[in-house]
PDB file of N, CA and C in Angstrom:
ATOM      1  N   UNK A   1       0.835  -1.245   0.021  1.00  0.00           N
ATOM      2  CA  UNK A   1      -0.110   0.008  -0.050  1.00  0.00           C
ATOM      3  C   UNK A   1       0.858   1.306   0.002  1.00  0.00           C
ATOM      4  N   UNK A   2       0.686   2.109  -0.865  1.00  0.00           N
ATOM      5  CA  UNK A   2       1.405   3.372  -0.858  1.00  0.00           C
ATOM      6  C   UNK A   2       0.634   4.511  -0.073  1.00  0.00           C
ATOM      7  N   UNK A   3       1.092   4.584   1.130  1.00  0.00           N
ATOM      8  CA  UNK A   3       0.382   5.281   1.993  1.00  0.00           C
ATOM      9  C   UNK A   3       0.115   6.951   1.610  1.00  0.00           C
ATOM     10  N   UNK A   4       1.330   7.422   1.137  1.00  0.00           N
ATOM     11  CA  UNK A   4       1.144   8.885   0.664  1.00  0.00           C
ATOM     12  C   UNK A   4       0.073   8.954  -0.414  1.00  0.00           C
ATOM     13  N   UNK A   5       0.146   8.070  -1.408  1.00  0.00           N
ATOM     14  CA  UNK A   5      -0.671   8.233  -2.473  1.00  0.00           C
ATOM     15  C   UNK A   5      -2.284   7.986  -2.090  1.00  0.00           C
ATOM     16  N   UNK A   6      -2.414   7.022  -1.099  1.00  0.00           N
ATOM     17  CA  UNK A   6      -3.578   6.679  -0.478  1.00  0.00           C
ATOM     18  C   UNK A   6      -4.339   8.002   0.196  1.00  0.00           C
ATOM     19  N   UNK A   7      -3.495   8.525   1.173  1.00  0.00           N
ATOM     20  CA  UNK A   7      -3.849   9.640   1.846  1.00  0.00           C
ATOM     21  C   UNK A   7      -4.382  10.839   0.924  1.00  0.00           C
ATOM     22  N   UNK A   8      -3.420  10.982  -0.142  1.00  0.00           N
ATOM     23  CA  UNK A   8      -3.728  12.149  -1.077  1.00  0.00           C
ATOM     24  C   UNK A   8      -5.069  11.999  -1.797  1.00  0.00           C
ATOM     25  N   UNK A   9      -5.369  10.617  -2.151  1.00  0.00           N
ATOM     26  CA  UNK A   9      -6.593  10.385  -2.952  1.00  0.00           C
ATOM     27  C   UNK A   9      -7.818  10.642  -1.697  1.00  0.00           C
ATOM     28  N   UNK A  10      -7.670  10.286  -0.592  1.00  0.00           N
ATOM     29  CA  UNK A  10      -8.707  10.448   0.439  1.00  0.00           C
ATOM     30  C   UNK A  10      -8.979  11.814   0.450  1.00  0.00           C
ATOM     31  N   UNK A  11      -7.867  12.649   0.622  1.00  0.00           N
ATOM     32  CA  UNK A  11      -8.092  14.119   0.748  1.00  0.00           C
ATOM     33  C   UNK A  11      -8.713  14.807  -0.403  1.00  0.00           C
ATOM     34  N   UNK A  12      -8.448  14.250  -1.516  1.00  0.00           N
ATOM     35  CA  UNK A  12      -9.057  14.655  -2.824  1.00  0.00           C
ATOM     36  C   UNK A  12     -10.737  14.470  -2.708  1.00  0.00           C
ATOM     37  N   UNK A  13     -11.097  13.469  -2.126  1.00  0.00           N
ATOM     38  CA  UNK A  13     -12.473  13.176  -1.843  1.00  0.00           C
ATOM     39  C   UNK A  13     -13.027  14.261  -0.949  1.00  0.00           C
ATOM     40  N   UNK A  14     -12.293  14.414   0.051  1.00  0.00           N
ATOM     41  CA  UNK A  14     -12.616  15.382   1.110  1.00  0.00           C
ATOM     42  C   UNK A  14     -12.869  16.747   0.426  1.00  0.00           C
ATOM     43  N   UNK A  15     -11.927  17.056  -0.311  1.00  0.00           N
ATOM     44  CA  UNK A  15     -11.944  18.482  -0.964  1.00  0.00           C
ATOM     45  C   UNK A  15     -12.981  18.705  -1.784  1.00  0.00           C
ATOM     46  N   UNK A  16     -13.408  17.460  -2.610  1.00  0.00           N
ATOM     47  CA  UNK A  16     -14.343  17.698  -3.602  1.00  0.00           C
ATOM     48  C   UNK A  16     -15.781  17.464  -2.976  1.00  0.00           C
ATOM     49  N   UNK A  17     -16.052  17.307  -1.613  1.00  0.00           N
ATOM     50  CA  UNK A  17     -17.323  17.398  -1.025  1.00  0.00           C
ATOM     51  C   UNK A  17     -17.832  15.964  -0.898  1.00  0.00           C
ATOM     52  N   UNK A  18     -17.136  14.829  -1.023  1.00  0.00           N
ATOM     53  CA  UNK A  18     -17.472  13.642  -0.573  1.00  0.00           C
ATOM     54  C   UNK A  18     -17.542  13.358   0.869  1.00  0.00           C
ATOM     55  N   UNK A  19     -18.376  12.371   1.239  1.00  0.00           N
ATOM     56  CA  UNK A  19     -18.578  11.903   2.681  1.00  0.00           C
ATOM     57  C   UNK A  19     -18.150  10.590   2.803  1.00  0.00           C
ATOM     58  N   UNK A  20     -17.609  10.200   3.902  1.00  0.00           N
ATOM     59  CA  UNK A  20     -17.204   8.774   4.163  1.00  0.00           C
ATOM     60  C   UNK A  20     -18.501   8.127   4.467  1.00  0.00           C
ATOM     61  N   UNK A  21     -18.721   7.056   3.664  1.00  0.00           N
ATOM     62  CA  UNK A  21     -19.986   6.217   3.726  1.00  0.00           C
ATOM     63  C   UNK A  21     -19.531   4.850   4.755  1.00  0.00           C
ATOM     64  N   UNK A  22     -18.556   4.413   4.556  1.00  0.00           N
ATOM     65  CA  UNK A  22     -18.309   3.155   5.427  1.00  0.00           C
ATOM     66  C   UNK A  22     -16.718   2.758   5.147  1.00  0.00           C
ATOM     67  N   UNK A  23     -16.275   2.064   6.184  1.00  0.00           N
ATOM     68  CA  UNK A  23     -14.921   1.354   5.925  1.00  0.00           C
ATOM     69  C   UNK A  23     -15.323  -0.203   6.331  1.00  0.00           C
ATOM     70  N   UNK A  24     -14.893  -0.977   5.363  1.00  0.00           N
ATOM     71  CA  UNK A  24     -15.220  -2.421   5.708  1.00  0.00           C
ATOM     72  C   UNK A  24     -13.774  -3.264   5.557  1.00  0.00           C
ATOM     73  N   UNK A  25     -13.504  -4.147   6.489  1.00  0.00           N
ATOM     74  CA  UNK A  25     -12.478  -5.092   6.530  1.00  0.00           C
ATOM     75  C   UNK A  25     -12.832  -6.311   6.393  1.00  0.00           C
ATOM     76  N   UNK A  26     -12.111  -7.397   5.718  1.00  0.00           N
ATOM     77  CA  UNK A  26     -12.472  -8.613   5.342  1.00  0.00           C
ATOM     78  C   UNK A  26     -11.346  -9.413   5.474  1.00  0.00           C
ATOM     79  N   UNK A  27     -11.297 -10.692   6.316  1.00  0.00           N
ATOM     80  CA  UNK A  27     -10.087 -11.599   6.162  1.00  0.00           C
ATOM     81  C   UNK A  27     -10.170 -12.346   4.982  1.00  0.00           C
ATOM     82  N   UNK A  28      -9.114 -12.588   4.199  1.00  0.00           N
ATOM     83  CA  UNK A  28      -8.902 -13.467   3.106  1.00  0.00           C
ATOM     84  C   UNK A  28      -8.665 -14.723   3.710  1.00  0.00           C
ATOM     85  N   UNK A  29      -9.629 -15.762   3.381  1.00  0.00           N
ATOM     86  CA  UNK A  29      -9.364 -17.034   3.632  1.00  0.00           C
ATOM     87  C   UNK A  29      -8.213 -17.781   2.848  1.00  0.00           C
ATOM     88  N   UNK A  30      -7.407 -18.587   3.762  1.00  0.00           N
ATOM     89  CA  UNK A  30      -6.602 -19.340   3.045  1.00  0.00           C
ATOM     90  C   UNK A  30      -6.978 -20.036   1.962  1.00  0.00           C
ATOM     91  N   UNK A  31      -6.544 -20.143   0.679  1.00  0.00           N
ATOM     92  CA  UNK A  31      -6.900 -20.849  -0.477  1.00  0.00           C
ATOM     93  C   UNK A  31      -7.805 -20.141  -1.315  1.00  0.00           C
ATOM     94  N   UNK A  32      -8.320 -18.889  -0.940  1.00  0.00           N
ATOM     95  CA  UNK A  32      -9.237 -18.163  -1.708  1.00  0.00           C
ATOM     96  C   UNK A  32      -8.801 -17.725  -2.960  1.00  0.00           C
ATOM     97  N   UNK A  33      -7.706 -17.827  -3.265  1.00  0.00           N
ATOM     98  CA  UNK A  33      -7.253 -17.219  -4.549  1.00  0.00           C
ATOM     99  C   UNK A  33      -5.630 -17.345  -4.533  1.00  0.00           C
ATOM    100  N   UNK A  34      -5.275 -17.564  -5.676  1.00  0.00           N
ATOM    101  CA  UNK A  34      -3.765 -17.650  -5.924  1.00  0.00           C
ATOM    102  C   UNK A  34      -2.898 -16.432  -5.772  1.00  0.00           C
ATOM    103  N   UNK A  35      -1.872 -16.403  -5.099  1.00  0.00           N
ATOM    104  CA  UNK A  35      -1.177 -15.390  -4.874  1.00  0.00           C
ATOM    105  C   UNK A  35      -1.354 -14.411  -3.604  1.00  0.00           C
ATOM    106  N   UNK A  36      -2.464 -14.928  -2.951  1.00  0.00           N
ATOM    107  CA  UNK A  36      -3.007 -14.210  -1.753  1.00  0.00           C
ATOM    108  C   UNK A  36      -2.229 -14.617  -0.529  1.00  0.00           C
ATOM    109  N   UNK A  37      -1.823 -13.572   0.297  1.00  0.00           N
ATOM    110  CA  UNK A  37      -0.965 -13.937   1.491  1.00  0.00           C
ATOM    111  C   UNK A  37      -1.921 -14.334   2.666  1.00  0.00           C
ATOM    112  N   UNK A  38      -1.510 -15.535   3.078  1.00  0.00           N
ATOM    113  CA  UNK A  38      -2.431 -16.057   4.213  1.00  0.00           C
ATOM    114  C   UNK A  38      -2.435 -15.029   5.442  1.00  0.00           C
ATOM    115  N   UNK A  39      -3.688 -14.699   5.931  1.00  0.00           N
ATOM    116  CA  UNK A  39      -3.799 -13.702   6.998  1.00  0.00           C
ATOM    117  C   UNK A  39      -4.008 -12.299   6.573  1.00  0.00           C
ATOM    118  N   UNK A  40      -4.051 -12.209   5.118  1.00  0.00           N
ATOM    119  CA  UNK A  40      -4.199 -10.787   4.676  1.00  0.00           C
ATOM    120  C   UNK A  40      -5.590 -10.248   4.959  1.00  0.00           C
ATOM    121  N   UNK A  41      -5.842  -8.928   4.518  1.00  0.00           N
ATOM    122  CA  UNK A  41      -7.053  -8.477   4.642  1.00  0.00           C
ATOM    123  C   UNK A  41      -7.650  -7.584   3.251  1.00  0.00           C
ATOM    124  N   UNK A  42      -8.734  -7.636   2.961  1.00  0.00           N
ATOM    125  CA  UNK A  42      -9.219  -6.751   1.976  1.00  0.00           C
ATOM    126  C   UNK A  42      -9.885  -5.541   2.886  1.00  0.00           C
ATOM    127  N   UNK A  43      -9.482  -4.204   2.616  1.00  0.00           N
ATOM    128  CA  UNK A  43     -10.015  -3.155   3.394  1.00  0.00           C
ATOM    129  C   UNK A  43     -10.682  -2.227   2.192  1.00  0.00           C
ATOM    130  N   UNK A  44     -11.733  -1.658   2.359  1.00  0.00           N
ATOM    131  CA  UNK A  44     -12.484  -0.877   1.474  1.00  0.00           C
ATOM    132  C   UNK A  44     -12.989   0.374   2.158  1.00  0.00           C
ATOM    133  N   UNK A  45     -12.761   1.417   1.632  1.00  0.00           N
ATOM    134  CA  UNK A  45     -13.127   2.642   1.969  1.00  0.00           C
ATOM    135  C   UNK A  45     -14.190   3.317   0.991  1.00  0.00           C
ATOM    136  N   UNK A  46     -15.356   3.444   1.419  1.00  0.00           N
ATOM    137  CA  UNK A  46     -16.456   3.784   0.583  1.00  0.00           C
ATOM    138  C   UNK A  46     -16.721   5.339   0.667  1.00  0.00           C
ATOM    139  N   UNK A  47     -16.915   6.098  -0.386  1.00  0.00           N
ATOM    140  CA  UNK A  47     -17.259   7.576  -0.358  1.00  0.00           C
ATOM    141  C   UNK A  47     -18.646   7.834  -1.161  1.00  0.00           C
ATOM    142  N   UNK A  48     -19.266   8.735  -0.637  1.00  0.00           N
ATOM    143  CA  UNK A  48     -20.527   9.101  -1.380  1.00  0.00           C
ATOM    144  C   UNK A  48     -20.714  10.655  -1.606  1.00  0.00           C
ATOM    145  N   UNK A  49     -21.223  10.914  -2.664  1.00  0.00           N
ATOM    146  CA  UNK A  49     -21.525  12.186  -2.915  1.00  0.00           C
ATOM    147  C   UNK A  49     -22.795  12.333  -3.853  1.00  0.00           C
ATOM    148  N   UNK A  50     -23.865  12.830  -3.195  1.00  0.00           N
ATOM    149  CA  UNK A  50     -25.300  12.691  -3.906  1.00  0.00           C
ATOM    150  C   UNK A  50     -25.639  11.407  -4.316  1.00  0.00           C
ATOM    151  N   UNK A  51     -25.672  11.090  -5.359  1.00  0.00           N
ATOM    152  CA  UNK A  51     -26.083   9.596  -5.900  1.00  0.00           C
ATOM    153  C   UNK A  51     -24.880   8.853  -6.442  1.00  0.00           C
ATOM    154  N   UNK A  52     -23.652   9.504  -6.256  1.00  0.00           N
ATOM    155  CA  UNK A  52     -22.283   8.876  -6.698  1.00  0.00           C
ATOM    156  C   UNK A  52     -21.689   8.176  -5.457  1.00  0.00           C
ATOM    157  N   UNK A  53     -21.134   7.030  -5.752  1.00  0.00           N
ATOM    158  CA  UNK A  53     -20.380   6.232  -4.730  1.00  0.00           C
ATOM    159  C   UNK A  53     -19.241   5.548  -5.267  1.00  0.00           C
ATOM    160  N   UNK A  54     -18.129   5.690  -4.754  1.00  0.00           N
ATOM    161  CA  UNK A  54     -16.930   5.320  -5.079  1.00  0.00           C
ATOM    162  C   UNK A  54     -16.198   4.641  -3.834  1.00  0.00           C
ATOM    163  N   UNK A  55     -15.335   3.559  -4.179  1.00  0.00           N
ATOM    164  CA  UNK A  55     -14.580   2.926  -3.237  1.00  0.00           C
ATOM    165  C   UNK A  55     -13.164   2.578  -3.553  1.00  0.00           C
ATOM    166  N   UNK A  56     -12.242   2.814  -2.455  1.00  0.00           N
ATOM    167  CA  UNK A  56     -10.963   2.430  -2.728  1.00  0.00           C
ATOM    168  C   UNK A  56     -10.752   1.281  -1.861  1.00  0.00           C
ATOM    169  N   UNK A  57     -10.232   0.303  -2.591  1.00  0.00           N
ATOM    170  CA  UNK A  57      -9.785  -1.095  -2.043  1.00  0.00           C
ATOM    171  C   UNK A  57      -8.511  -1.436  -2.102  1.00  0.00           C
ATOM    172  N   UNK A  58      -8.128  -1.927  -0.885  1.00  0.00           N
ATOM    173  CA  UNK A  58      -6.548  -2.261  -0.820  1.00  0.00           C
ATOM    174  C   UNK A  58      -6.539  -3.539  -0.214  1.00  0.00           C
ATOM    175  N   UNK A  59      -5.431  -4.382  -0.521  1.00  0.00           N
ATOM    176  CA  UNK A  59      -5.070  -5.551   0.177  1.00  0.00           C
ATOM    177  C   UNK A  59      -3.917  -5.334   1.226  1.00  0.00           C
ATOM    178  N   UNK A  60      -4.260  -5.726   2.427  1.00  0.00           N
ATOM    179  CA  UNK A  60      -3.336  -5.282   3.401  1.00  0.00           C
ATOM    180  C   UNK A  60      -2.628  -6.656   3.947  1.00  0.00           C
ATOM    181  N   UNK A  61      -1.454  -6.692   4.165  1.00  0.00           N
ATOM    182  CA  UNK A  61      -0.770  -7.838   4.762  1.00  0.00           C
ATOM    183  C   UNK A  61      -0.940  -7.493   6.247  1.00  0.00           C
ATOM    184  N   UNK A  62      -0.737  -8.790   7.076  1.00  0.00           N
ATOM    185  CA  UNK A  62      -0.952  -8.560   8.459  1.00  0.00           C
ATOM    186  C   UNK A  62       0.112  -7.704   9.101  1.00  0.00           C
ATOM    187  N   UNK A  63       1.496  -7.553   8.498  1.00  0.00           N
ATOM    188  CA  UNK A  63       2.447  -6.764   9.152  1.00  0.00           C
ATOM    189  C   UNK A  63       2.341  -5.406   8.705  1.00  0.00           C
ATOM    190  N   UNK A  64       1.648  -5.023   7.624  1.00  0.00           N
ATOM    191  CA  UNK A  64       1.478  -3.670   7.031  1.00  0.00           C
ATOM    192  C   UNK A  64       0.718  -2.615   8.071  1.00  0.00           C
ATOM    193  N   UNK A  65       1.182  -1.373   7.886  1.00  0.00           N
ATOM    194  CA  UNK A  65       0.596  -0.459   8.512  1.00  0.00           C
ATOM    195  C   UNK A  65      -0.323   0.191   7.677  1.00  0.00           C
ATOM    196  N   UNK A  66      -1.486   0.576   8.149  1.00  0.00           N
ATOM    197  CA  UNK A  66      -2.626   1.550   7.297  1.00  0.00           C
ATOM    198  C   UNK A  66      -2.864   2.717   7.923  1.00  0.00           C
ATOM    199  N   UNK A  67      -2.678   3.928   7.246  1.00  0.00           N
ATOM    200  CA  UNK A  67      -2.702   5.206   7.878  1.00  0.00           C
ATOM    201  C   UNK A  67      -4.212   5.541   8.076  1.00  0.00           C
ATOM    202  N   UNK A  68      -4.335   6.144   9.213  1.00  0.00           N
ATOM    203  CA  UNK A  68      -5.740   6.705   9.632  1.00  0.00           C
ATOM    204  C   UNK A  68      -6.083   7.916   8.633  1.00  0.00           C
ATOM    205  N   UNK A  69      -7.445   7.915   8.245  1.00  0.00           N
ATOM    206  CA  UNK A  69      -8.073   8.952   7.282  1.00  0.00           C
ATOM    207  C   UNK A  69      -8.709   9.995   8.245  1.00  0.00           C
ATOM    208  N   UNK A  70      -8.700   9.878   9.522  1.00  0.00           N
ATOM    209  CA  UNK A  70      -9.497  10.614  10.422  1.00  0.00           C
ATOM    210  C   UNK A  70      -9.057  12.080  10.250  1.00  0.00           C
ATOM    211  N   UNK A  71      -7.854  12.424   9.621  1.00  0.00           N
ATOM    212  CA  UNK A  71      -7.490  13.767   9.426  1.00  0.00           C
ATOM    213  C   UNK A  71      -8.379  14.400   8.348  1.00  0.00           C
ATOM    214  N   UNK A  72      -8.815  13.557   7.583  1.00  0.00           N
ATOM    215  CA  UNK A  72      -9.665  14.273   6.310  1.00  0.00           C
ATOM    216  C   UNK A  72     -11.181  13.841   6.727  1.00  0.00           C
ATOM    217  N   UNK A  73     -11.470  12.804   7.237  1.00  0.00           N
ATOM    218  CA  UNK A  73     -12.822  12.350   7.707  1.00  0.00           C
ATOM    219  C   UNK A  73     -12.721  12.017   9.252  1.00  0.00           C
ATOM    220  N   UNK A  74     -13.012  12.900  10.201  1.00  0.00           N
ATOM    221  CA  UNK A  74     -13.141  12.674  11.517  1.00  0.00           C
ATOM    222  C   UNK A  74     -13.703  11.460  12.066  1.00  0.00           C
ATOM    223  N   UNK A  75     -14.789  11.076  11.479  1.00  0.00           N
ATOM    224  CA  UNK A  75     -15.639  10.091  12.066  1.00  0.00           C
ATOM    225  C   UNK A  75     -14.985   8.762  11.631  1.00  0.00           C
ATOM    226  N   UNK A  76     -13.874   8.857  10.770  1.00  0.00           N
ATOM    227  CA  UNK A  76     -13.178   7.442  10.490  1.00  0.00           C
ATOM    228  C   UNK A  76     -12.627   6.762  11.755  1.00  0.00           C
ATOM    229  N   UNK A  77     -12.307   7.414  12.832  1.00  0.00           N
ATOM    230  CA  UNK A  77     -11.612   6.911  14.061  1.00  0.00           C
ATOM    231  C   UNK A  77     -12.475   5.656  14.626  1.00  0.00           C
ATOM    232  N   UNK A  78     -14.004   5.856  14.412  1.00  0.00           N
ATOM    233  CA  UNK A  78     -14.717   4.750  14.937  1.00  0.00           C
ATOM    234  C   UNK A  78     -14.386   3.470  14.196  1.00  0.00           C
ATOM    235  N   UNK A  79     -14.466   3.374  12.925  1.00  0.00           N
ATOM    236  CA  UNK A  79     -14.317   2.229  12.032  1.00  0.00           C
ATOM    237  C   UNK A  79     -12.774   1.808  12.130  1.00  0.00           C
ATOM    238  N   UNK A  80     -11.865   2.673  12.351  1.00  0.00           N
ATOM    239  CA  UNK A  80     -10.327   2.367  12.395  1.00  0.00           C
ATOM    240  C   UNK A  80     -10.071   1.638  13.682  1.00  0.00           C
ATOM    241  N   UNK A  81     -10.526   2.118  14.765  1.00  0.00           N
ATOM    242  CA  UNK A  81     -10.637   1.478  16.068  1.00  0.00           C
ATOM    243  C   UNK A  81     -11.037   0.033  16.012  1.00  0.00           C
ATOM    244  N   UNK A  82     -12.239  -0.200  15.460  1.00  0.00           N
ATOM    245  CA  UNK A  82     -12.888  -1.545  15.281  1.00  0.00           C
ATOM    246  C   UNK A  82     -11.952  -2.390  14.355  1.00  0.00           C
ATOM    247  N   UNK A  83     -11.367  -1.758  13.273  1.00  0.00           N
ATOM    248  CA  UNK A  83     -10.394  -2.500  12.381  1.00  0.00           C
ATOM    249  C   UNK A  83      -9.360  -3.235  13.147  1.00  0.00           C
ATOM    250  N   UNK A  84      -8.675  -2.222  14.097  1.00  0.00           N
ATOM    251  CA  UNK A  84      -7.660  -2.887  14.991  1.00  0.00           C
ATOM    252  C   UNK A  84      -8.156  -3.759  15.967  1.00  0.00           C
ATOM    253  N   UNK A  85      -9.358  -3.502  16.532  1.00  0.00           N
ATOM    254  CA  UNK A  85      -9.753  -4.374  17.765  1.00  0.00           C
ATOM    255  C   UNK A  85     -10.253  -5.642  17.193  1.00  0.00           C
ATOM    256  N   UNK A  86     -10.880  -5.803  16.235  1.00  0.00           N
ATOM    257  CA  UNK A  86     -11.424  -6.971  15.425  1.00  0.00           C
ATOM    258  C   UNK A  86     -10.675  -7.749  14.719  1.00  0.00           C
ATOM    259  N   UNK A  87      -9.820  -7.004  13.979  1.00  0.00           N
ATOM    260  CA  UNK A  87      -9.014  -7.747  12.993  1.00  0.00           C
ATOM    261  C   UNK A  87      -7.515  -7.850  13.252  1.00  0.00           C
ATOM    262  N   UNK A  88      -7.075  -6.770  14.081  1.00  0.00           N
ATOM    263  CA  UNK A  88      -5.698  -6.708  14.487  1.00  0.00           C
ATOM    264  C   UNK A  88      -4.897  -6.023  13.367  1.00  0.00           C
ATOM    265  N   UNK A  89      -5.552  -5.212  12.599  1.00  0.00           N
ATOM    266  CA  UNK A  89      -4.971  -4.385  11.612  1.00  0.00           C
ATOM    267  C   UNK A  89      -4.383  -3.028  12.054  1.00  0.00           C
ATOM    268  N   UNK A  90      -3.037  -2.896  11.904  1.00  0.00           N
ATOM    269  CA  UNK A  90      -2.223  -1.980  12.553  1.00  0.00           C
ATOM    270  C   UNK A  90      -2.588  -0.560  11.827  1.00  0.00           C
ATOM    271  N   UNK A  91      -3.542   0.254  12.290  1.00  0.00           N
ATOM    272  CA  UNK A  91      -3.894   1.507  11.880  1.00  0.00           C
ATOM    273  C   UNK A  91      -3.121   2.664  12.730  1.00  0.00           C
ATOM    274  N   UNK A  92      -2.261   3.464  11.789  1.00  0.00           N
ATOM    275  CA  UNK A  92      -1.506   4.353  12.636  1.00  0.00           C
ATOM    276  C   UNK A  92      -2.033   5.856  12.365  1.00  0.00           C
ATOM    277  N   UNK A  93      -1.714   6.572  13.437  1.00  0.00           N
ATOM    278  CA  UNK A  93      -2.218   8.145  13.465  1.00  0.00           C
ATOM    279  C   UNK A  93      -3.611   8.279  13.536  1.00  0.00           C
ATOM    280  N   UNK A  94      -4.384   7.383  14.448  1.00  0.00           N
ATOM    281  CA  UNK A  94      -5.665   7.627  14.745  1.00  0.00           C
ATOM    282  C   UNK A  94      -6.046   8.979  15.309  1.00  0.00           C
ATOM    283  N   UNK A  95      -6.996   9.714  14.979  1.00  0.00           N
ATOM    284  CA  UNK A  95      -7.627  10.825  15.549  1.00  0.00           C
ATOM    285  C   UNK A  95      -7.950  10.721  16.961  1.00  0.00           C
ATOM    286  N   UNK A  96      -8.705   9.612  17.287  1.00  0.00           N
ATOM    287  CA  UNK A  96      -8.852   9.320  18.658  1.00  0.00           C
ATOM    288  C   UNK A  96      -8.648   7.792  18.739  1.00  0.00           C
ATOM    289  N   UNK A  97      -7.680   7.459  19.503  1.00  0.00           N
ATOM    290  CA  UNK A  97      -7.260   5.987  19.748  1.00  0.00           C
ATOM    291  C   UNK A  97      -8.084   5.540  21.090  1.00  0.00           C
ATOM    292  N   UNK A  98      -8.901   4.603  20.880  1.00  0.00           N
ATOM    293  CA  UNK A  98      -9.484   4.266  22.097  1.00  0.00           C
ATOM    294  C   UNK A  98      -8.836   3.014  22.823  1.00  0.00           C
ATOM    295  N   UNK A  99      -7.863   2.608  22.257  1.00  0.00           N
ATOM    296  CA  UNK A  99      -6.790   1.546  22.931  1.00  0.00           C
ATOM    297  C   UNK A  99      -7.626   0.404  23.532  1.00  0.00           C
ATOM    298  N   UNK A 100      -8.318  -0.260  22.754  1.00  0.00           N
ATOM    299  CA  UNK A 100      -9.105  -1.343  23.383  1.00  0.00           C
ATOM    300  C   UNK A 100      -8.869  -2.519  22.560  1.00  0.00           C
TER     301      UNK A 100
END
């Protein structure tokens, strides 16, 4: 994951008036596809503006850091704390870290 490019794209959504709709994390099951790292995650950030809906999807390795988008979308901290607590995804730079 290219963190700088990802954060720039998220900020572009913010500047263009999009809202954060949902962040979803899914565990990739072993054997689900060729070339998938065991224990990896698919993470999707969905944004909405009027009737438009767009998603950024990234494959995240268990050892990889995922930057928080709470600097652009403050409410993201809720999803991001859950990603860390429920999946063990290392989200860095949380706007509000609940440490649970």
